[in-house]
Amino acid sequence: MAKMSHGPRSGSRMKMTKGIKEKGMPKVNDLMKNFEIGEKAAIVINPSVHSGMPFHNFQGLTGTVVDRQGECYIISVNVGSVEKHIIAGPAHLKKLVTN
């Protein structure tokens, strides 16, 4: 019998699945989004883009852009009572409008 896989995408069948009308690669504008430091962003993982993909436990969390690292952004997110820094590409981030 084969051993169970414990890879980085294990246990993420529904989180990493697109709807039937969303399938395919994203638009170029989604890959080239710009964020300012201090801006709020939500982590919305796009499973068709593998570069800059954060770990699937952070799907749906909201944080603040702290810094930039190469083409990716560092997002500060509170998980419980712990503040974590997540590196994510612009294709996996969504801008939040603040009033």
C-alpha atoms as a PDB file:
ATOM      1  CA  MET A   1       0.000   0.000   0.000  1.00  0.00           C
ATOM      2  CA  ALA A   2       1.280   3.475  -0.878  1.00  0.00           C
ATOM      3  CA  LYS A   3       2.023   6.090   1.755  1.00  0.00           C
ATOM      4  CA  MET A   4      -0.291   9.077   2.059  1.00  0.00           C
ATOM      5  CA  SER A   5       1.041  12.262   0.487  1.00  0.00           C
ATOM      6  CA  HIS A   6       1.655  15.222   2.782  1.00  0.00           C
ATOM      7  CA  GLY A   7       2.612  17.727   0.100  1.00  0.00           C
ATOM      8  CA  PRO A   8       1.905  21.469   0.167  1.00  0.00           C
ATOM      9  CA  ARG A   9      -1.430  21.058  -1.660  1.00  0.00           C
ATOM     10  CA  SER A  10      -2.734  18.065   0.285  1.00  0.00           C
ATOM     11  CA  GLY A  11      -6.167  18.566   1.860  1.00  0.00           C
ATOM     12  CA  SER A  12      -7.036  21.472  -0.413  1.00  0.00           C
ATOM     13  CA  ARG A  13      -9.365  19.902  -2.989  1.00  0.00           C
ATOM     14  CA  MET A  14     -12.186  22.444  -2.616  1.00  0.00           C
ATOM     15  CA  LYS A  15     -10.007  25.468  -1.797  1.00  0.00           C
ATOM     16  CA  MET A  16      -7.938  25.012  -4.942  1.00  0.00           C
ATOM     17  CA  THR A  17     -10.838  24.395  -7.355  1.00  0.00           C
ATOM     18  CA  LYS A  18     -12.270  26.993  -9.699  1.00  0.00           C
ATOM     19  CA  GLY A  19     -15.861  27.196 -10.831  1.00  0.00           C
ATOM     20  CA  ILE A  20     -16.730  26.103 -14.359  1.00  0.00           C
ATOM     21  CA  LYS A  21     -16.875  29.698 -15.687  1.00  0.00           C
ATOM     22  CA  GLU A  22     -13.660  30.781 -13.955  1.00  0.00           C
ATOM     23  CA  LYS A  23     -11.356  28.146 -15.453  1.00  0.00           C
ATOM     24  CA  GLY A  24      -8.239  29.078 -17.401  1.00  0.00           C
ATOM     25  CA  MET A  25      -5.418  31.501 -16.882  1.00  0.00           C
ATOM     26  CA  PRO A  26      -6.090  34.933 -15.340  1.00  0.00           C
ATOM     27  CA  LYS A  27      -5.940  38.190 -17.242  1.00  0.00           C
ATOM     28  CA  VAL A  28      -2.642  40.053 -17.496  1.00  0.00           C
ATOM     29  CA  ASN A  29      -3.958  42.855 -15.271  1.00  0.00           C
ATOM     30  CA  ASP A  30      -4.468  40.364 -12.427  1.00  0.00           C
ATOM     31  CA  LEU A  31      -0.821  39.309 -12.647  1.00  0.00           C
ATOM     32  CA  MET A  32       0.450  42.899 -12.600  1.00  0.00           C
ATOM     33  CA  LYS A  33      -1.568  44.446  -9.746  1.00  0.00           C
ATOM     34  CA  ASN A  34       0.228  47.051  -7.644  1.00  0.00           C
ATOM     35  CA  PHE A  35      -0.245  47.479  -3.903  1.00  0.00           C
ATOM     36  CA  GLU A  36       0.952  50.327  -1.709  1.00  0.00           C
ATOM     37  CA  ILE A  37       2.553  49.665   1.674  1.00  0.00           C
ATOM     38  CA  GLY A  38      -0.124  49.933   4.369  1.00  0.00           C
ATOM     39  CA  GLU A  39      -2.947  48.976   2.016  1.00  0.00           C
ATOM     40  CA  LYS A  40      -5.436  46.264   3.022  1.00  0.00           C
ATOM     41  CA  ALA A  41      -5.529  43.101   0.921  1.00  0.00           C
ATOM     42  CA  ALA A  42      -7.391  39.790   1.051  1.00  0.00           C
ATOM     43  CA  ILE A  43      -5.682  36.503   0.190  1.00  0.00           C
ATOM     44  CA  VAL A  44      -7.693  34.843  -2.585  1.00  0.00           C
ATOM     45  CA  ILE A  45      -5.630  31.998  -4.035  1.00  0.00           C
ATOM     46  CA  ASN A  46      -5.757  31.540  -7.810  1.00  0.00           C
ATOM     47  CA  PRO A  47      -4.940  27.834  -8.368  1.00  0.00           C
ATOM     48  CA  SER A  48      -3.939  28.291 -12.015  1.00  0.00           C
ATOM     49  CA  VAL A  49      -0.983  30.521 -11.039  1.00  0.00           C
ATOM     50  CA  HIS A  50       1.669  28.507  -9.211  1.00  0.00           C
ATOM     51  CA  SER A  51       4.266  31.231  -8.660  1.00  0.00           C
ATOM     52  CA  GLY A  52       3.860  33.196  -5.449  1.00  0.00           C
ATOM     53  CA  MET A  53       1.098  30.932  -4.133  1.00  0.00           C
ATOM     54  CA  PRO A  54       0.703  31.122  -0.331  1.00  0.00           C
ATOM     55  CA  PHE A  55      -0.117  28.056   1.774  1.00  0.00           C
ATOM     56  CA  HIS A  56      -3.790  27.094   1.504  1.00  0.00           C
ATOM     57  CA  ASN A  57      -4.507  27.619   5.221  1.00  0.00           C
ATOM     58  CA  PHE A  58      -4.297  31.381   4.594  1.00  0.00           C
ATOM     59  CA  GLN A  59      -7.060  31.371   1.937  1.00  0.00           C
ATOM     60  CA  GLY A  60      -9.626  34.057   2.706  1.00  0.00           C
ATOM     61  CA  LEU A  61      -7.636  35.926   5.363  1.00  0.00           C
ATOM     62  CA  THR A  62      -7.254  39.697   5.313  1.00  0.00           C
ATOM     63  CA  GLY A  63      -4.107  41.608   6.165  1.00  0.00           C
ATOM     64  CA  THR A  64      -1.972  44.659   5.558  1.00  0.00           C
ATOM     65  CA  VAL A  65       0.758  44.972   2.929  1.00  0.00           C
ATOM     66  CA  VAL A  66       4.000  45.411   4.873  1.00  0.00           C
ATOM     67  CA  ASP A  67       6.720  45.197   2.241  1.00  0.00           C
ATOM     68  CA  ARG A  68       7.651  43.957  -1.206  1.00  0.00           C
ATOM     69  CA  GLN A  69       9.964  41.015  -1.928  1.00  0.00           C
ATOM     70  CA  GLY A  70      10.843  40.660  -5.592  1.00  0.00           C
ATOM     71  CA  GLU A  71       7.570  40.484  -7.514  1.00  0.00           C
ATOM     72  CA  CYS A  72       5.648  39.345  -4.410  1.00  0.00           C
ATOM     73  CA  TYR A  73       4.239  41.200  -1.431  1.00  0.00           C
ATOM     74  CA  ILE A  74       4.618  40.497   2.289  1.00  0.00           C
ATOM     75  CA  ILE A  75       1.229  40.554   4.025  1.00  0.00           C
ATOM     76  CA  SER A  76       0.858  40.823   7.802  1.00  0.00           C
ATOM     77  CA  VAL A  77      -2.057  38.631   8.957  1.00  0.00           C
ATOM     78  CA  ASN A  78      -3.344  37.848  12.446  1.00  0.00           C
ATOM     79  CA  VAL A  79      -3.956  34.116  12.925  1.00  0.00           C
ATOM     80  CA  GLY A  80      -5.542  33.782  16.329  1.00  0.00           C
ATOM     81  CA  SER A  81      -3.350  35.896  18.595  1.00  0.00           C
ATOM     82  CA  VAL A  82      -0.208  35.480  16.458  1.00  0.00           C
ATOM     83  CA  GLU A  83       0.854  37.929  13.750  1.00  0.00           C
ATOM     84  CA  LYS A  84       2.238  36.136  10.688  1.00  0.00           C
ATOM     85  CA  HIS A  85       3.947  37.450   7.571  1.00  0.00           C
ATOM     86  CA  ILE A  86       2.875  35.739   4.338  1.00  0.00           C
ATOM     87  CA  ILE A  87       4.612  36.091   0.988  1.00  0.00           C
ATOM     88  CA  ALA A  88       2.109  36.115  -1.875  1.00  0.00           C
ATOM     89  CA  GLY A  89       2.128  37.115  -5.517  1.00  0.00           C
ATOM     90  CA  PRO A  90      -0.235  39.794  -6.844  1.00  0.00           C
ATOM     91  CA  ALA A  91      -2.390  37.161  -8.608  1.00  0.00           C
ATOM     92  CA  HIS A  92      -3.340  35.775  -5.174  1.00  0.00           C
ATOM     93  CA  LEU A  93      -4.247  39.117  -3.599  1.00  0.00           C
ATOM     94  CA  LYS A  94      -7.388  41.207  -3.862  1.00  0.00           C
ATOM     95  CA  LYS A  95      -7.536  44.906  -2.996  1.00  0.00           C
ATOM     96  CA  LEU A  96      -9.989  45.904  -0.299  1.00  0.00           C
ATOM     97  CA  VAL A  97     -11.747  49.233  -0.611  1.00  0.00           C
ATOM     98  CA  THR A  98     -11.796  51.193   2.633  1.00  0.00           C
ATOM     99  CA  ASN A  99     -14.292  53.993   3.128  1.00  0.00           C
END
